[in-house]
């Protein structure tokens, strides 16, 4: 029971920090004035822009927390299944705790992105915001077809570090050596990530052909 409390505390802190970053982004960067300035009207009716913006804010925190929790549970299930099929005895809660700790790495690029655009002032567009992901292959390529944007952003230094953090966590809870733990990640999480990126890209092409 104590272990579950520690894991849930780590999850709560991670969720809180994520919400703080969302709050700061909405307050200082993606404001209602920013969307209006860039011609991205939320309602199409000037006098209702603030009202629509406030309504969106009520849901954005729930969306952020739901996405975070869903990602953690899915990755946990993937790794737990891979360990089970490899006949490695480890509890679901320990895998869950490992994934939570590894997820903290993604707070770093979020802070970098916020700092980058906060210091830039108003000298950027909504497209600049969407395309920017620190230390990703997208930054190296510079420009690419829209249907490649998500995959290029996903392949970044922090994602790679995430793999190694997962492997380190598996090594600790499963008693495997590091190479064996890394193989579990490579053979389970990476194929799932590839499927997700491919599916997201496919849906983007199908439902938003104008951006492809």
N, C-alpha and C. Protein backbone atom coordinates (compact mmCIF):
# COMPACT_ATOMS: atom_id res chain seq x y z
N UNK A 1 0.83 -1.20 0.00
CA UNK A 1 0.00 0.00 0.00
C UNK A 1 0.87 1.26 0.00
N UNK A 2 1.97 1.22 0.76
CA UNK A 2 2.87 2.36 0.83
C UNK A 2 3.50 2.65 -0.53
N UNK A 3 3.83 1.57 -1.25
CA UNK A 3 4.42 1.73 -2.58
C UNK A 3 3.45 2.42 -3.52
N UNK A 4 2.17 2.02 -3.45
CA UNK A 4 1.15 2.64 -4.30
C UNK A 4 1.02 4.12 -3.96
N UNK A 5 1.10 4.47 -2.68
CA UNK A 5 1.01 5.87 -2.28
C UNK A 5 2.16 6.68 -2.87
N UNK A 6 3.35 6.09 -2.86
CA UNK A 6 4.51 6.78 -3.44
C UNK A 6 4.34 6.99 -4.94
N UNK A 7 3.85 5.96 -5.62
CA UNK A 7 3.64 6.07 -7.06
C UNK A 7 2.57 7.12 -7.38
N UNK A 8 1.50 7.09 -6.63
CA UNK A 8 0.41 8.05 -6.86
C UNK A 8 0.86 9.48 -6.54
N UNK A 9 1.73 9.62 -5.54
CA UNK A 9 2.28 10.94 -5.22
C UNK A 9 3.15 11.44 -6.37
N UNK A 10 3.99 10.57 -6.92
CA UNK A 10 4.81 10.94 -8.07
C UNK A 10 3.94 11.33 -9.26
N UNK A 11 2.85 10.59 -9.46
CA UNK A 11 1.93 10.89 -10.55
C UNK A 11 1.25 12.24 -10.33
N UNK A 12 0.85 12.50 -9.08
CA UNK A 12 0.18 13.76 -8.76
C UNK A 12 1.12 14.95 -8.99
N UNK A 13 2.38 14.80 -8.59
CA UNK A 13 3.36 15.87 -8.79
C UNK A 13 3.61 16.09 -10.29
N UNK A 14 3.71 15.00 -11.03
CA UNK A 14 3.91 15.11 -12.47
C UNK A 14 2.73 15.81 -13.13
N UNK A 15 1.51 15.44 -12.73
CA UNK A 15 0.32 16.08 -13.28
C UNK A 15 0.25 17.55 -12.91
N UNK A 16 0.61 17.86 -11.67
CA UNK A 16 0.59 19.26 -11.21
C UNK A 16 1.58 20.11 -11.99
N UNK A 17 2.80 19.61 -12.18
CA UNK A 17 3.82 20.35 -12.93
C UNK A 17 3.39 20.55 -14.38
N UNK A 18 2.75 19.53 -14.94
CA UNK A 18 2.25 19.65 -16.32
C UNK A 18 1.19 20.74 -16.42
N UNK A 19 0.30 20.78 -15.44
CA UNK A 19 -0.76 21.79 -15.42
C UNK A 19 -0.19 23.19 -15.22
N UNK A 20 0.86 23.30 -14.41
CA UNK A 20 1.51 24.60 -14.21
C UNK A 20 2.09 25.11 -15.52
N UNK A 21 2.70 24.22 -16.29
CA UNK A 21 3.25 24.61 -17.59
C UNK A 21 2.14 25.02 -18.56
N UNK A 22 1.02 24.32 -18.52
CA UNK A 22 -0.11 24.70 -19.36
C UNK A 22 -0.63 26.07 -18.95
N UNK A 23 -0.73 26.31 -17.65
CA UNK A 23 -1.20 27.60 -17.13
C UNK A 23 -0.28 28.74 -17.58
N UNK A 24 1.03 28.54 -17.44
CA UNK A 24 1.98 29.58 -17.82
C UNK A 24 1.94 29.85 -19.32
N UNK A 25 1.77 28.77 -20.09
CA UNK A 25 1.69 28.93 -21.54
C UNK A 25 0.46 29.73 -21.94
N UNK A 26 -0.67 29.41 -21.33
CA UNK A 26 -1.91 30.13 -21.64
C UNK A 26 -1.86 31.59 -21.18
N UNK A 27 -1.18 31.83 -20.06
CA UNK A 27 -1.14 33.18 -19.48
C UNK A 27 -0.19 34.11 -20.23
N UNK A 28 0.94 33.55 -20.70
CA UNK A 28 1.98 34.41 -21.25
C UNK A 28 2.24 34.23 -22.75
N UNK A 29 1.76 33.14 -23.34
CA UNK A 29 2.08 32.90 -24.76
C UNK A 29 0.83 32.72 -25.60
N UNK A 30 0.10 31.64 -25.40
CA UNK A 30 -1.09 31.37 -26.22
C UNK A 30 -2.31 32.05 -25.63
N UNK A 31 -2.25 33.36 -25.57
CA UNK A 31 -3.34 34.15 -25.01
C UNK A 31 -4.41 34.42 -26.07
N UNK A 32 -5.53 34.95 -25.63
CA UNK A 32 -6.59 35.32 -26.57
C UNK A 32 -6.09 36.37 -27.55
N UNK A 33 -5.30 37.33 -27.07
CA UNK A 33 -4.73 38.37 -27.94
C UNK A 33 -3.79 37.78 -28.97
N UNK A 34 -3.05 36.72 -28.56
CA UNK A 34 -2.13 36.08 -29.50
C UNK A 34 -2.88 35.49 -30.69
N UNK A 35 -3.98 34.79 -30.42
CA UNK A 35 -4.76 34.18 -31.50
C UNK A 35 -5.36 35.25 -32.41
N UNK A 36 -5.85 36.33 -31.80
CA UNK A 36 -6.42 37.42 -32.58
C UNK A 36 -5.36 38.08 -33.45
N UNK A 37 -4.18 38.30 -32.87
CA UNK A 37 -3.08 38.94 -33.58
C UNK A 37 -2.63 38.11 -34.78
N UNK A 38 -2.75 36.80 -34.67
CA UNK A 38 -2.31 35.92 -35.76
C UNK A 38 -3.45 35.53 -36.70
N UNK A 39 -4.59 36.16 -36.52
CA UNK A 39 -5.72 35.88 -37.40
C UNK A 39 -6.37 34.55 -37.15
N UNK A 40 -6.12 33.97 -35.97
CA UNK A 40 -6.72 32.68 -35.61
C UNK A 40 -7.87 32.94 -34.65
N UNK A 41 -9.00 33.37 -35.20
CA UNK A 41 -10.13 33.72 -34.36
C UNK A 41 -10.82 32.47 -33.82
N UNK A 42 -11.10 32.48 -32.53
CA UNK A 42 -11.67 31.31 -31.88
C UNK A 42 -13.17 31.18 -32.12
N UNK A 43 -13.85 32.31 -32.30
CA UNK A 43 -15.29 32.26 -32.50
C UNK A 43 -15.73 32.89 -33.81
N UNK A 44 -14.89 33.77 -34.36
CA UNK A 44 -15.27 34.49 -35.56
C UNK A 44 -16.04 35.75 -35.26
N UNK A 45 -16.39 35.93 -34.00
CA UNK A 45 -17.12 37.13 -33.57
C UNK A 45 -16.25 37.85 -32.54
N UNK A 46 -15.70 39.01 -32.89
CA UNK A 46 -14.73 39.70 -32.02
C UNK A 46 -15.16 39.84 -30.57
N UNK A 47 -16.42 40.21 -30.34
CA UNK A 47 -16.85 40.46 -28.97
C UNK A 47 -17.00 39.18 -28.16
N UNK A 48 -16.93 38.02 -28.80
CA UNK A 48 -17.08 36.75 -28.09
C UNK A 48 -15.76 36.00 -27.95
N UNK A 49 -14.66 36.57 -28.43
CA UNK A 49 -13.37 35.89 -28.38
C UNK A 49 -12.96 35.52 -26.95
N UNK A 50 -13.07 36.47 -26.03
CA UNK A 50 -12.67 36.22 -24.64
C UNK A 50 -13.53 35.14 -24.00
N UNK A 51 -14.82 35.17 -24.29
CA UNK A 51 -15.74 34.18 -23.71
C UNK A 51 -15.41 32.78 -24.21
N UNK A 52 -15.17 32.64 -25.50
CA UNK A 52 -14.83 31.33 -26.07
C UNK A 52 -13.49 30.85 -25.53
N UNK A 53 -12.54 31.78 -25.41
CA UNK A 53 -11.22 31.42 -24.89
C UNK A 53 -11.33 30.90 -23.46
N UNK A 54 -12.11 31.57 -22.63
CA UNK A 54 -12.30 31.15 -21.25
C UNK A 54 -12.96 29.77 -21.18
N UNK A 55 -13.87 29.50 -22.09
CA UNK A 55 -14.56 28.21 -22.11
C UNK A 55 -13.59 27.09 -22.48
N UNK A 56 -12.69 27.38 -23.41
CA UNK A 56 -11.70 26.38 -23.82
C UNK A 56 -10.77 26.04 -22.66
N UNK A 57 -10.42 27.05 -21.86
CA UNK A 57 -9.51 26.84 -20.74
C UNK A 57 -10.05 25.86 -19.72
N UNK A 58 -11.39 25.77 -19.62
CA UNK A 58 -11.99 24.86 -18.66
C UNK A 58 -11.71 23.40 -19.01
N UNK A 59 -11.46 23.16 -20.28
CA UNK A 59 -11.26 21.78 -20.74
C UNK A 59 -9.80 21.43 -20.99
N UNK A 60 -8.95 22.43 -21.13
CA UNK A 60 -7.58 22.14 -21.55
C UNK A 60 -6.79 21.40 -20.47
N UNK A 61 -7.07 21.72 -19.20
CA UNK A 61 -6.37 21.02 -18.11
C UNK A 61 -6.82 19.57 -18.02
N UNK A 62 -8.11 19.34 -18.18
CA UNK A 62 -8.63 17.98 -18.17
C UNK A 62 -8.03 17.17 -19.32
N UNK A 63 -7.91 17.80 -20.47
CA UNK A 63 -7.33 17.12 -21.64
C UNK A 63 -5.87 16.77 -21.39
N UNK A 64 -5.12 17.71 -20.79
CA UNK A 64 -3.71 17.47 -20.53
C UNK A 64 -3.51 16.32 -19.55
N UNK A 65 -4.28 16.30 -18.48
CA UNK A 65 -4.17 15.24 -17.47
C UNK A 65 -4.63 13.90 -18.03
N UNK A 66 -5.71 13.92 -18.82
CA UNK A 66 -6.22 12.68 -19.43
C UNK A 66 -5.19 12.08 -20.38
N UNK A 67 -4.57 12.94 -21.19
CA UNK A 67 -3.54 12.47 -22.13
C UNK A 67 -2.35 11.87 -21.36
N UNK A 68 -1.91 12.57 -20.31
CA UNK A 68 -0.77 12.09 -19.53
C UNK A 68 -1.07 10.73 -18.90
N UNK A 69 -2.22 10.62 -18.27
CA UNK A 69 -2.57 9.36 -17.61
C UNK A 69 -2.75 8.23 -18.62
N UNK A 70 -3.36 8.53 -19.76
CA UNK A 70 -3.56 7.50 -20.80
C UNK A 70 -2.22 7.01 -21.33
N UNK A 71 -1.30 7.94 -21.57
CA UNK A 71 0.02 7.56 -22.07
C UNK A 71 0.74 6.67 -21.07
N UNK A 72 0.71 7.05 -19.79
CA UNK A 72 1.39 6.27 -18.77
C UNK A 72 0.81 4.86 -18.66
N UNK A 73 -0.51 4.76 -18.68
CA UNK A 73 -1.16 3.44 -18.57
C UNK A 73 -0.87 2.57 -19.78
N UNK A 74 -0.87 3.17 -20.97
CA UNK A 74 -0.62 2.39 -22.19
C UNK A 74 0.81 1.88 -22.22
N UNK A 75 1.77 2.77 -21.91
CA UNK A 75 3.18 2.36 -21.90
C UNK A 75 3.41 1.29 -20.83
N UNK A 76 2.76 1.46 -19.68
CA UNK A 76 2.88 0.47 -18.61
C UNK A 76 2.36 -0.89 -19.07
N UNK A 77 1.22 -0.89 -19.72
CA UNK A 77 0.63 -2.14 -20.20
C UNK A 77 1.53 -2.80 -21.25
N UNK A 78 2.11 -2.00 -22.13
CA UNK A 78 2.99 -2.53 -23.17
C UNK A 78 4.22 -3.20 -22.55
N UNK A 79 4.87 -2.51 -21.62
CA UNK A 79 6.07 -3.05 -20.99
C UNK A 79 5.76 -4.25 -20.10
N UNK A 80 4.65 -4.17 -19.38
CA UNK A 80 4.27 -5.29 -18.50
C UNK A 80 4.00 -6.54 -19.32
N UNK A 81 3.30 -6.36 -20.45
CA UNK A 81 3.01 -7.49 -21.33
C UNK A 81 4.28 -8.09 -21.89
N UNK A 82 5.22 -7.22 -22.31
CA UNK A 82 6.49 -7.69 -22.86
C UNK A 82 7.28 -8.48 -21.81
N UNK A 83 7.29 -8.01 -20.58
CA UNK A 83 8.00 -8.72 -19.51
C UNK A 83 7.31 -10.04 -19.19
N UNK A 84 6.00 -10.04 -19.20
CA UNK A 84 5.24 -11.26 -18.93
C UNK A 84 5.53 -12.32 -20.00
N UNK A 85 5.52 -11.90 -21.26
CA UNK A 85 5.80 -12.84 -22.35
C UNK A 85 7.24 -13.34 -22.33
N UNK A 86 8.12 -12.53 -21.74
CA UNK A 86 9.52 -12.94 -21.61
C UNK A 86 9.74 -13.77 -20.34
N UNK A 87 8.65 -14.06 -19.64
CA UNK A 87 8.67 -14.85 -18.41
C UNK A 87 9.51 -14.19 -17.32
N UNK A 88 9.41 -12.87 -17.28
CA UNK A 88 10.08 -12.10 -16.22
C UNK A 88 9.01 -11.71 -15.20
N UNK A 89 9.21 -12.11 -13.96
CA UNK A 89 8.22 -11.85 -12.92
C UNK A 89 8.40 -10.44 -12.36
N UNK A 90 7.40 -9.61 -12.58
CA UNK A 90 7.42 -8.23 -12.07
C UNK A 90 5.97 -7.76 -11.93
N UNK A 91 5.70 -6.98 -10.91
CA UNK A 91 4.33 -6.54 -10.68
C UNK A 91 3.96 -5.36 -11.58
N UNK A 92 2.67 -5.25 -11.87
CA UNK A 92 2.17 -4.16 -12.70
C UNK A 92 2.44 -2.80 -12.04
N UNK A 93 2.28 -2.75 -10.71
CA UNK A 93 2.47 -1.47 -10.02
C UNK A 93 3.91 -0.98 -10.09
N UNK A 94 4.88 -1.91 -10.10
CA UNK A 94 6.28 -1.51 -10.22
C UNK A 94 6.59 -0.97 -11.61
N UNK A 95 5.99 -1.58 -12.61
CA UNK A 95 6.17 -1.07 -13.98
C UNK A 95 5.51 0.30 -14.09
N UNK A 96 4.34 0.43 -13.49
CA UNK A 96 3.61 1.70 -13.47
C UNK A 96 4.46 2.81 -12.85
N UNK A 97 5.08 2.50 -11.71
CA UNK A 97 5.92 3.49 -11.04
C UNK A 97 7.14 3.86 -11.87
N UNK A 98 7.71 2.89 -12.57
CA UNK A 98 8.87 3.13 -13.43
C UNK A 98 8.52 4.08 -14.57
N UNK A 99 7.37 3.85 -15.18
CA UNK A 99 6.95 4.70 -16.30
C UNK A 99 6.68 6.13 -15.83
N UNK A 100 6.08 6.27 -14.66
CA UNK A 100 5.81 7.61 -14.12
C UNK A 100 7.10 8.39 -13.97
N UNK A 101 8.11 7.78 -13.37
CA UNK A 101 9.38 8.46 -13.16
C UNK A 101 10.04 8.83 -14.48
N UNK A 102 9.95 7.94 -15.46
CA UNK A 102 10.57 8.22 -16.76
C UNK A 102 9.88 9.38 -17.47
N UNK A 103 8.57 9.54 -17.22
CA UNK A 103 7.80 10.60 -17.89
C UNK A 103 8.27 12.01 -17.49
N UNK A 104 8.94 12.13 -16.37
CA UNK A 104 9.42 13.45 -15.94
C UNK A 104 10.38 14.07 -16.95
N UNK A 105 11.03 13.25 -17.77
CA UNK A 105 11.99 13.76 -18.75
C UNK A 105 11.32 14.71 -19.74
N UNK A 106 10.02 14.51 -19.99
CA UNK A 106 9.33 15.34 -20.99
C UNK A 106 8.94 16.72 -20.45
N UNK A 107 9.16 16.94 -19.16
CA UNK A 107 8.95 18.28 -18.63
C UNK A 107 10.06 19.23 -19.11
N UNK A 108 11.24 18.67 -19.37
CA UNK A 108 12.38 19.50 -19.79
C UNK A 108 12.13 20.18 -21.13
N UNK A 109 11.74 19.43 -22.20
CA UNK A 109 11.47 20.13 -23.46
C UNK A 109 10.30 21.10 -23.36
N UNK A 110 9.33 20.80 -22.48
CA UNK A 110 8.19 21.70 -22.30
C UNK A 110 8.66 23.03 -21.71
N UNK A 111 9.57 22.96 -20.74
CA UNK A 111 10.12 24.18 -20.14
C UNK A 111 10.97 24.94 -21.15
N UNK A 112 11.75 24.22 -21.93
CA UNK A 112 12.59 24.86 -22.95
C UNK A 112 11.72 25.57 -23.98
N UNK A 113 10.65 24.91 -24.42
CA UNK A 113 9.76 25.51 -25.41
C UNK A 113 9.10 26.76 -24.86
N UNK A 114 8.61 26.70 -23.63
CA UNK A 114 7.99 27.87 -23.02
C UNK A 114 8.98 29.02 -22.92
N UNK A 115 10.19 28.72 -22.45
CA UNK A 115 11.22 29.76 -22.29
C UNK A 115 11.59 30.38 -23.62
N UNK A 116 11.70 29.54 -24.64
CA UNK A 116 12.07 30.02 -25.98
C UNK A 116 11.07 31.04 -26.50
N UNK A 117 9.79 30.73 -26.40
CA UNK A 117 8.77 31.63 -26.95
C UNK A 117 8.46 32.79 -26.00
N UNK A 118 8.67 32.58 -24.72
CA UNK A 118 8.47 33.68 -23.78
C UNK A 118 9.50 34.78 -24.04
N UNK A 119 10.74 34.37 -24.29
CA UNK A 119 11.80 35.33 -24.57
C UNK A 119 11.66 35.95 -25.96
N UNK A 120 10.96 35.24 -26.86
CA UNK A 120 10.77 35.75 -28.23
C UNK A 120 9.75 36.87 -28.28
N UNK A 121 8.99 37.04 -27.20
CA UNK A 121 7.96 38.08 -27.19
C UNK A 121 6.82 37.73 -28.12
N UNK A 122 6.47 38.66 -29.00
CA UNK A 122 5.36 38.43 -29.94
C UNK A 122 5.86 38.14 -31.35
N UNK A 123 7.16 37.93 -31.48
CA UNK A 123 7.75 37.75 -32.81
C UNK A 123 7.69 36.30 -33.28
N UNK A 124 6.50 35.70 -33.24
CA UNK A 124 6.33 34.35 -33.75
C UNK A 124 4.86 34.12 -34.05
N UNK A 125 4.60 33.09 -34.83
CA UNK A 125 3.23 32.76 -35.24
C UNK A 125 2.79 31.45 -34.59
N UNK A 126 1.52 31.13 -34.77
CA UNK A 126 0.99 29.87 -34.25
C UNK A 126 1.68 28.68 -34.92
N UNK A 127 2.00 28.82 -36.19
CA UNK A 127 2.71 27.74 -36.88
C UNK A 127 4.10 27.52 -36.29
N UNK A 128 4.78 28.63 -35.95
CA UNK A 128 6.09 28.51 -35.30
C UNK A 128 5.96 27.71 -34.00
N UNK A 129 4.90 27.98 -33.25
CA UNK A 129 4.68 27.27 -31.99
C UNK A 129 4.46 25.79 -32.22
N UNK A 130 3.65 25.44 -33.19
CA UNK A 130 3.35 24.03 -33.48
C UNK A 130 4.56 23.26 -34.00
N UNK A 131 5.39 23.92 -34.78
CA UNK A 131 6.51 23.23 -35.41
C UNK A 131 7.73 23.09 -34.51
N UNK A 132 7.78 23.87 -33.45
CA UNK A 132 8.99 23.87 -32.61
C UNK A 132 8.96 22.74 -31.59
N UNK A 133 10.00 21.92 -31.59
CA UNK A 133 10.23 20.94 -30.53
C UNK A 133 11.73 20.87 -30.34
N UNK A 134 12.22 21.27 -29.16
CA UNK A 134 13.67 21.37 -28.96
C UNK A 134 14.39 20.05 -29.15
N UNK A 135 15.56 20.15 -29.81
CA UNK A 135 16.45 19.01 -30.02
C UNK A 135 15.76 17.84 -30.72
N UNK A 136 14.92 18.17 -31.69
CA UNK A 136 14.25 17.14 -32.49
C UNK A 136 14.81 17.17 -33.90
N UNK A 137 14.52 16.12 -34.67
CA UNK A 137 14.96 16.09 -36.06
C UNK A 137 14.25 17.16 -36.88
N UNK A 138 13.10 17.63 -36.40
CA UNK A 138 12.40 18.71 -37.07
C UNK A 138 13.24 19.97 -37.09
N UNK A 139 13.98 20.22 -36.03
CA UNK A 139 14.84 21.39 -35.97
C UNK A 139 16.03 21.26 -36.91
N UNK A 140 16.47 20.02 -37.15
CA UNK A 140 17.58 19.80 -38.06
C UNK A 140 17.17 19.93 -39.52
N UNK A 141 15.97 19.41 -39.82
CA UNK A 141 15.48 19.43 -41.20
C UNK A 141 15.08 20.85 -41.61
N UNK A 142 14.46 21.58 -40.70
CA UNK A 142 14.05 22.95 -40.99
C UNK A 142 12.66 23.01 -41.60
N UNK A 143 12.51 22.49 -42.79
CA UNK A 143 11.20 22.46 -43.45
C UNK A 143 10.95 21.07 -44.03
N UNK A 144 9.69 20.65 -43.97
CA UNK A 144 9.32 19.33 -44.46
C UNK A 144 7.83 19.33 -44.74
N UNK A 145 7.34 18.40 -45.56
CA UNK A 145 5.89 18.29 -45.79
C UNK A 145 5.14 18.15 -44.47
N UNK A 146 3.94 18.68 -44.41
CA UNK A 146 3.17 18.71 -43.16
C UNK A 146 2.94 17.32 -42.58
N UNK A 147 2.78 16.30 -43.43
CA UNK A 147 2.51 14.97 -42.91
C UNK A 147 3.75 14.32 -42.26
N UNK A 148 4.91 14.97 -42.39
CA UNK A 148 6.12 14.48 -41.74
C UNK A 148 6.40 15.19 -40.42
N UNK A 149 5.67 16.25 -40.14
CA UNK A 149 5.97 17.08 -38.97
C UNK A 149 5.93 16.29 -37.66
N UNK A 150 4.87 15.52 -37.46
CA UNK A 150 4.72 14.82 -36.19
C UNK A 150 5.82 13.78 -35.98
N UNK A 151 6.13 13.02 -37.01
CA UNK A 151 7.16 12.00 -36.87
C UNK A 151 8.53 12.62 -36.63
N UNK A 152 8.82 13.74 -37.29
CA UNK A 152 10.11 14.41 -37.09
C UNK A 152 10.20 15.02 -35.70
N UNK A 153 9.09 15.50 -35.18
CA UNK A 153 9.09 16.05 -33.82
C UNK A 153 9.20 14.94 -32.78
N UNK A 154 8.59 13.80 -33.04
CA UNK A 154 8.61 12.69 -32.09
C UNK A 154 10.02 12.13 -31.91
N UNK A 155 10.80 12.14 -33.00
CA UNK A 155 12.18 11.66 -32.90
C UNK A 155 13.05 12.80 -32.39
N UNK A 156 13.25 12.82 -31.09
CA UNK A 156 14.03 13.88 -30.46
C UNK A 156 14.89 13.30 -29.35
N UNK A 157 15.80 14.12 -28.85
CA UNK A 157 16.74 13.65 -27.83
C UNK A 157 16.03 13.18 -26.58
N UNK A 158 14.97 13.86 -26.18
CA UNK A 158 14.29 13.51 -24.93
C UNK A 158 13.52 12.20 -25.06
N UNK A 159 13.02 11.92 -26.26
CA UNK A 159 12.36 10.64 -26.50
C UNK A 159 13.36 9.50 -26.38
N UNK A 160 14.55 9.70 -26.93
CA UNK A 160 15.60 8.67 -26.84
C UNK A 160 16.03 8.48 -25.39
N UNK A 161 16.19 9.57 -24.66
CA UNK A 161 16.53 9.46 -23.23
C UNK A 161 15.43 8.71 -22.47
N UNK A 162 14.20 8.90 -22.89
CA UNK A 162 13.06 8.20 -22.28
C UNK A 162 13.22 6.69 -22.41
N UNK A 163 13.68 6.24 -23.55
CA UNK A 163 13.90 4.80 -23.75
C UNK A 163 14.90 4.26 -22.73
N UNK A 164 16.00 4.99 -22.56
CA UNK A 164 17.04 4.54 -21.65
C UNK A 164 16.59 4.62 -20.19
N UNK A 165 15.76 5.62 -19.87
CA UNK A 165 15.22 5.70 -18.51
C UNK A 165 14.27 4.53 -18.23
N UNK A 166 13.47 4.17 -19.22
CA UNK A 166 12.60 2.99 -19.06
C UNK A 166 13.43 1.73 -18.84
N UNK A 167 14.50 1.60 -19.62
CA UNK A 167 15.38 0.43 -19.48
C UNK A 167 16.03 0.40 -18.10
N UNK A 168 16.46 1.56 -17.61
CA UNK A 168 17.07 1.63 -16.27
C UNK A 168 16.05 1.24 -15.20
N UNK A 169 14.81 1.67 -15.37
CA UNK A 169 13.77 1.32 -14.42
C UNK A 169 13.45 -0.16 -14.44
N UNK A 170 13.38 -0.74 -15.63
CA UNK A 170 13.11 -2.17 -15.75
C UNK A 170 14.24 -2.98 -15.12
N UNK A 171 15.46 -2.52 -15.35
CA UNK A 171 16.61 -3.20 -14.73
C UNK A 171 16.48 -3.24 -13.21
N UNK A 172 16.01 -2.14 -12.65
CA UNK A 172 15.90 -2.03 -11.19
C UNK A 172 14.80 -2.94 -10.62
N UNK A 173 13.65 -2.99 -11.30
CA UNK A 173 12.52 -3.73 -10.74
C UNK A 173 12.48 -5.20 -11.16
N UNK A 174 13.16 -5.53 -12.27
CA UNK A 174 13.06 -6.90 -12.79
C UNK A 174 14.32 -7.73 -12.56
N UNK A 175 15.41 -7.07 -12.14
CA UNK A 175 16.63 -7.82 -11.88
C UNK A 175 17.36 -8.26 -13.13
N UNK A 176 17.05 -7.64 -14.27
CA UNK A 176 17.74 -7.95 -15.52
C UNK A 176 18.98 -7.07 -15.62
N UNK A 177 19.92 -7.46 -16.50
CA UNK A 177 21.02 -6.54 -16.77
C UNK A 177 20.54 -5.45 -17.72
N UNK A 178 21.36 -4.42 -17.91
CA UNK A 178 20.88 -3.26 -18.66
C UNK A 178 20.59 -3.60 -20.11
N UNK A 179 21.43 -4.43 -20.73
CA UNK A 179 21.22 -4.79 -22.13
C UNK A 179 19.89 -5.53 -22.31
N UNK A 180 19.58 -6.44 -21.40
CA UNK A 180 18.32 -7.18 -21.47
C UNK A 180 17.13 -6.24 -21.27
N UNK A 181 17.27 -5.29 -20.36
CA UNK A 181 16.19 -4.33 -20.11
C UNK A 181 15.96 -3.44 -21.32
N UNK A 182 17.05 -3.01 -21.95
CA UNK A 182 16.93 -2.16 -23.13
C UNK A 182 16.28 -2.92 -24.28
N UNK A 183 16.57 -4.21 -24.39
CA UNK A 183 15.95 -5.03 -25.43
C UNK A 183 14.43 -5.12 -25.23
N UNK A 184 13.99 -5.18 -23.98
CA UNK A 184 12.56 -5.21 -23.70
C UNK A 184 11.89 -3.94 -24.23
N UNK A 185 12.53 -2.80 -23.99
CA UNK A 185 12.00 -1.52 -24.46
C UNK A 185 12.00 -1.47 -25.98
N UNK A 186 13.11 -1.87 -26.58
CA UNK A 186 13.24 -1.81 -28.04
C UNK A 186 12.23 -2.71 -28.74
N UNK A 187 11.98 -3.88 -28.16
CA UNK A 187 11.09 -4.86 -28.80
C UNK A 187 9.62 -4.62 -28.51
N UNK A 188 9.30 -3.77 -27.54
CA UNK A 188 7.89 -3.55 -27.20
C UNK A 188 7.46 -2.11 -27.38
N UNK A 189 8.11 -1.20 -26.70
CA UNK A 189 7.70 0.21 -26.75
C UNK A 189 7.95 0.83 -28.11
N UNK A 190 9.11 0.57 -28.71
CA UNK A 190 9.44 1.20 -30.00
C UNK A 190 8.49 0.80 -31.12
N UNK A 191 8.14 -0.50 -31.27
CA UNK A 191 7.15 -0.85 -32.30
C UNK A 191 5.80 -0.18 -32.05
N UNK A 192 5.39 -0.09 -30.79
CA UNK A 192 4.12 0.57 -30.46
C UNK A 192 4.18 2.05 -30.82
N UNK A 193 5.32 2.68 -30.56
CA UNK A 193 5.50 4.09 -30.91
C UNK A 193 5.45 4.28 -32.41
N UNK A 194 6.08 3.38 -33.15
CA UNK A 194 6.08 3.46 -34.61
C UNK A 194 4.66 3.33 -35.15
N UNK A 195 3.89 2.41 -34.59
CA UNK A 195 2.50 2.22 -35.03
C UNK A 195 1.68 3.48 -34.75
N UNK A 196 1.87 4.06 -33.56
CA UNK A 196 1.13 5.27 -33.20
C UNK A 196 1.46 6.43 -34.13
N UNK A 197 2.75 6.64 -34.39
CA UNK A 197 3.16 7.74 -35.27
C UNK A 197 2.61 7.53 -36.68
N UNK A 198 2.67 6.29 -37.16
CA UNK A 198 2.16 5.98 -38.50
C UNK A 198 0.65 6.22 -38.56
N UNK A 199 -0.07 5.79 -37.52
CA UNK A 199 -1.52 5.98 -37.48
C UNK A 199 -1.88 7.46 -37.43
N UNK A 200 -1.17 8.22 -36.60
CA UNK A 200 -1.43 9.65 -36.48
C UNK A 200 -1.17 10.36 -37.81
N UNK A 201 -0.08 9.99 -38.48
CA UNK A 201 0.25 10.58 -39.78
C UNK A 201 -0.81 10.23 -40.82
N UNK A 202 -1.25 8.98 -40.81
CA UNK A 202 -2.29 8.54 -41.76
C UNK A 202 -3.59 9.31 -41.55
N UNK A 203 -4.00 9.45 -40.28
CA UNK A 203 -5.23 10.18 -39.99
C UNK A 203 -5.11 11.65 -40.37
N UNK A 204 -3.92 12.21 -40.20
CA UNK A 204 -3.70 13.61 -40.59
C UNK A 204 -3.90 13.79 -42.09
N UNK A 205 -3.37 12.84 -42.86
CA UNK A 205 -3.50 12.92 -44.33
C UNK A 205 -4.96 12.75 -44.76
N UNK A 206 -5.66 11.83 -44.07
CA UNK A 206 -7.05 11.55 -44.45
C UNK A 206 -7.99 12.70 -44.08
N UNK A 207 -7.87 13.19 -42.85
CA UNK A 207 -8.83 14.18 -42.34
C UNK A 207 -8.40 15.64 -42.57
N UNK A 208 -7.09 15.84 -42.80
CA UNK A 208 -6.62 17.20 -43.06
C UNK A 208 -5.74 17.21 -44.31
N UNK A 209 -6.30 16.84 -45.45
CA UNK A 209 -5.50 16.74 -46.68
C UNK A 209 -4.89 18.07 -47.11
N UNK A 210 -5.52 19.17 -46.75
CA UNK A 210 -5.03 20.48 -47.17
C UNK A 210 -3.69 20.83 -46.53
N UNK A 211 -3.39 20.20 -45.38
CA UNK A 211 -2.13 20.49 -44.70
C UNK A 211 -1.01 19.53 -45.10
N UNK A 212 -1.32 18.53 -45.89
CA UNK A 212 -0.33 17.51 -46.27
C UNK A 212 0.52 17.98 -47.42
